[in-house]
Amino acid sequence: MAISERDLFGSPFGVGDEVQVRGIVTAIASGATTGYGGSGDRVTVLVDAAGNAGEAVGVTFIVSPVQVRRAQGGISYGPSSVPANH
């Protein structure tokens, strides 16, 4: 039998399920000079690891903006700043 896990809210997930990963946007590469960019842009995300044993630290990935879902209640650091502790 396949192993499954539970997410932050206790919902089950397993291999083949689509999931969202908590992270901090550290960069946006866009051809736009004002306003919003487009789906061809690139967003760099630093995984917000809780520091559990065995977790990789400092993992980043790059995706298009359409693959990102803003976290409900997430903190907005604004368009040009990331806190020094991240």
C-alpha atoms as a PDB file:
ATOM      1  CA  MET A   1       0.000   0.000   0.000  1.00  0.00           C
ATOM      2  CA  ALA A   2       1.267   3.480  -0.870  1.00  0.00           C
ATOM      3  CA  ILE A   3       2.264   5.852   1.910  1.00  0.00           C
ATOM      4  CA  SER A   4       0.383   9.124   2.242  1.00  0.00           C
ATOM      5  CA  GLU A   5       1.063  12.221   4.315  1.00  0.00           C
ATOM      6  CA  ARG A   6      -0.943  15.061   5.829  1.00  0.00           C
ATOM      7  CA  ASP A   7      -0.394  18.710   5.018  1.00  0.00           C
ATOM      8  CA  LEU A   8      -0.244  21.740   7.305  1.00  0.00           C
ATOM      9  CA  PHE A   9      -4.033  21.617   7.744  1.00  0.00           C
ATOM     10  CA  GLY A  10      -4.314  17.832   8.128  1.00  0.00           C
ATOM     11  CA  SER A  11      -5.498  17.121   4.576  1.00  0.00           C
ATOM     12  CA  PRO A  12      -4.100  13.881   3.133  1.00  0.00           C
ATOM     13  CA  PHE A  13      -1.902  13.798   0.034  1.00  0.00           C
ATOM     14  CA  GLY A  14       0.138  11.173  -1.770  1.00  0.00           C
ATOM     15  CA  VAL A  15       2.313  10.479  -4.798  1.00  0.00           C
ATOM     16  CA  GLY A  16       0.780  12.054  -7.892  1.00  0.00           C
ATOM     17  CA  ASP A  17      -1.159  14.740  -5.996  1.00  0.00           C
ATOM     18  CA  GLU A  18      -0.627  18.410  -6.798  1.00  0.00           C
ATOM     19  CA  VAL A  19       0.696  20.388  -3.822  1.00  0.00           C
ATOM     20  CA  GLN A  20       1.779  23.929  -3.033  1.00  0.00           C
ATOM     21  CA  VAL A  21       5.084  24.679  -1.291  1.00  0.00           C
ATOM     22  CA  ARG A  22       5.570  27.499   1.227  1.00  0.00           C
ATOM     23  CA  GLY A  23       8.246  29.932   0.166  1.00  0.00           C
ATOM     24  CA  ILE A  24       9.420  33.524  -0.093  1.00  0.00           C
ATOM     25  CA  VAL A  25       9.653  35.214  -3.490  1.00  0.00           C
ATOM     26  CA  THR A  26      13.233  36.460  -3.755  1.00  0.00           C
ATOM     27  CA  ALA A  27      13.275  37.703  -7.360  1.00  0.00           C
ATOM     28  CA  ILE A  28      11.055  38.356 -10.359  1.00  0.00           C
ATOM     29  CA  ALA A  29      12.513  38.454 -13.869  1.00  0.00           C
ATOM     30  CA  SER A  30      10.214  40.321 -16.227  1.00  0.00           C
ATOM     31  CA  GLY A  31      10.322  42.317 -19.399  1.00  0.00           C
ATOM     32  CA  ALA A  32       7.662  44.636 -17.973  1.00  0.00           C
ATOM     33  CA  THR A  33       8.793  48.016 -16.713  1.00  0.00           C
ATOM     34  CA  THR A  34       5.607  48.901 -14.806  1.00  0.00           C
ATOM     35  CA  GLY A  35       2.594  47.060 -13.445  1.00  0.00           C
ATOM     36  CA  TYR A  36       2.316  43.293 -13.707  1.00  0.00           C
ATOM     37  CA  GLY A  37       4.385  41.105 -15.968  1.00  0.00           C
ATOM     38  CA  GLY A  38       3.110  38.047 -17.797  1.00  0.00           C
ATOM     39  CA  SER A  39       3.165  34.268 -17.837  1.00  0.00           C
ATOM     40  CA  GLY A  40       6.503  34.286 -19.704  1.00  0.00           C
ATOM     41  CA  ASP A  41       8.213  35.891 -16.704  1.00  0.00           C
ATOM     42  CA  ARG A  42      10.152  33.969 -14.060  1.00  0.00           C
ATOM     43  CA  VAL A  43       9.678  33.970 -10.273  1.00  0.00           C
ATOM     44  CA  THR A  44      12.458  32.751  -7.951  1.00  0.00           C
ATOM     45  CA  VAL A  45      11.205  31.220  -4.698  1.00  0.00           C
ATOM     46  CA  LEU A  46      13.196  30.305  -1.574  1.00  0.00           C
ATOM     47  CA  VAL A  47      11.554  27.375   0.226  1.00  0.00           C
ATOM     48  CA  ASP A  48      10.454  28.393   3.715  1.00  0.00           C
ATOM     49  CA  ALA A  49      11.751  25.268   5.478  1.00  0.00           C
ATOM     50  CA  ALA A  50      10.763  24.821   9.083  1.00  0.00           C
ATOM     51  CA  GLY A  51      14.133  23.264   9.865  1.00  0.00           C
ATOM     52  CA  ASN A  52      12.968  19.699  10.498  1.00  0.00           C
ATOM     53  CA  ALA A  53      15.686  17.044  10.547  1.00  0.00           C
ATOM     54  CA  GLY A  54      16.510  15.887   7.038  1.00  0.00           C
ATOM     55  CA  GLU A  55      15.093  18.920   5.255  1.00  0.00           C
ATOM     56  CA  ALA A  56      17.265  20.571   2.653  1.00  0.00           C
ATOM     57  CA  VAL A  57      17.962  24.199   3.577  1.00  0.00           C
ATOM     58  CA  GLY A  58      18.211  27.049   1.081  1.00  0.00           C
ATOM     59  CA  VAL A  59      16.322  25.297  -1.731  1.00  0.00           C
ATOM     60  CA  THR A  60      15.248  27.655  -4.503  1.00  0.00           C
ATOM     61  CA  PHE A  61      13.250  27.035  -7.632  1.00  0.00           C
ATOM     62  CA  ILE A  62      12.202  29.145 -10.608  1.00  0.00           C
ATOM     63  CA  VAL A  63       8.698  29.015 -12.064  1.00  0.00           C
ATOM     64  CA  SER A  64       6.399  31.162 -14.151  1.00  0.00           C
ATOM     65  CA  PRO A  65       3.981  33.408 -12.239  1.00  0.00           C
ATOM     66  CA  VAL A  66       1.006  31.246 -13.243  1.00  0.00           C
ATOM     67  CA  GLN A  67       2.453  28.381 -11.149  1.00  0.00           C
ATOM     68  CA  VAL A  68       2.417  30.478  -7.966  1.00  0.00           C
ATOM     69  CA  ARG A  69      -0.471  30.784  -5.527  1.00  0.00           C
ATOM     70  CA  ARG A  70      -0.195  33.611  -2.981  1.00  0.00           C
ATOM     71  CA  ALA A  71      -0.465  32.316   0.579  1.00  0.00           C
ATOM     72  CA  GLN A  72      -3.592  33.356   2.440  1.00  0.00           C
ATOM     73  CA  GLY A  73      -2.523  35.616   5.271  1.00  0.00           C
ATOM     74  CA  GLY A  74       1.002  35.687   3.877  1.00  0.00           C
ATOM     75  CA  ILE A  75       3.172  38.683   4.568  1.00  0.00           C
ATOM     76  CA  SER A  76       3.764  41.011   1.642  1.00  0.00           C
ATOM     77  CA  TYR A  77       7.272  42.416   1.637  1.00  0.00           C
ATOM     78  CA  GLY A  78       6.508  44.761  -1.229  1.00  0.00           C
ATOM     79  CA  PRO A  79       7.812  44.817  -4.771  1.00  0.00           C
ATOM     80  CA  SER A  80      11.476  45.456  -4.033  1.00  0.00           C
ATOM     81  CA  SER A  81      12.450  44.258  -0.580  1.00  0.00           C
ATOM     82  CA  VAL A  82      13.064  40.960   1.165  1.00  0.00           C
ATOM     83  CA  PRO A  83      13.802  40.959   4.910  1.00  0.00           C
ATOM     84  CA  ALA A  84      17.457  40.563   5.847  1.00  0.00           C
ATOM     85  CA  ASN A  85      16.785  37.354   7.747  1.00  0.00           C
ATOM     86  CA  HIS A  86      15.606  35.527   4.605  1.00  0.00           C
END
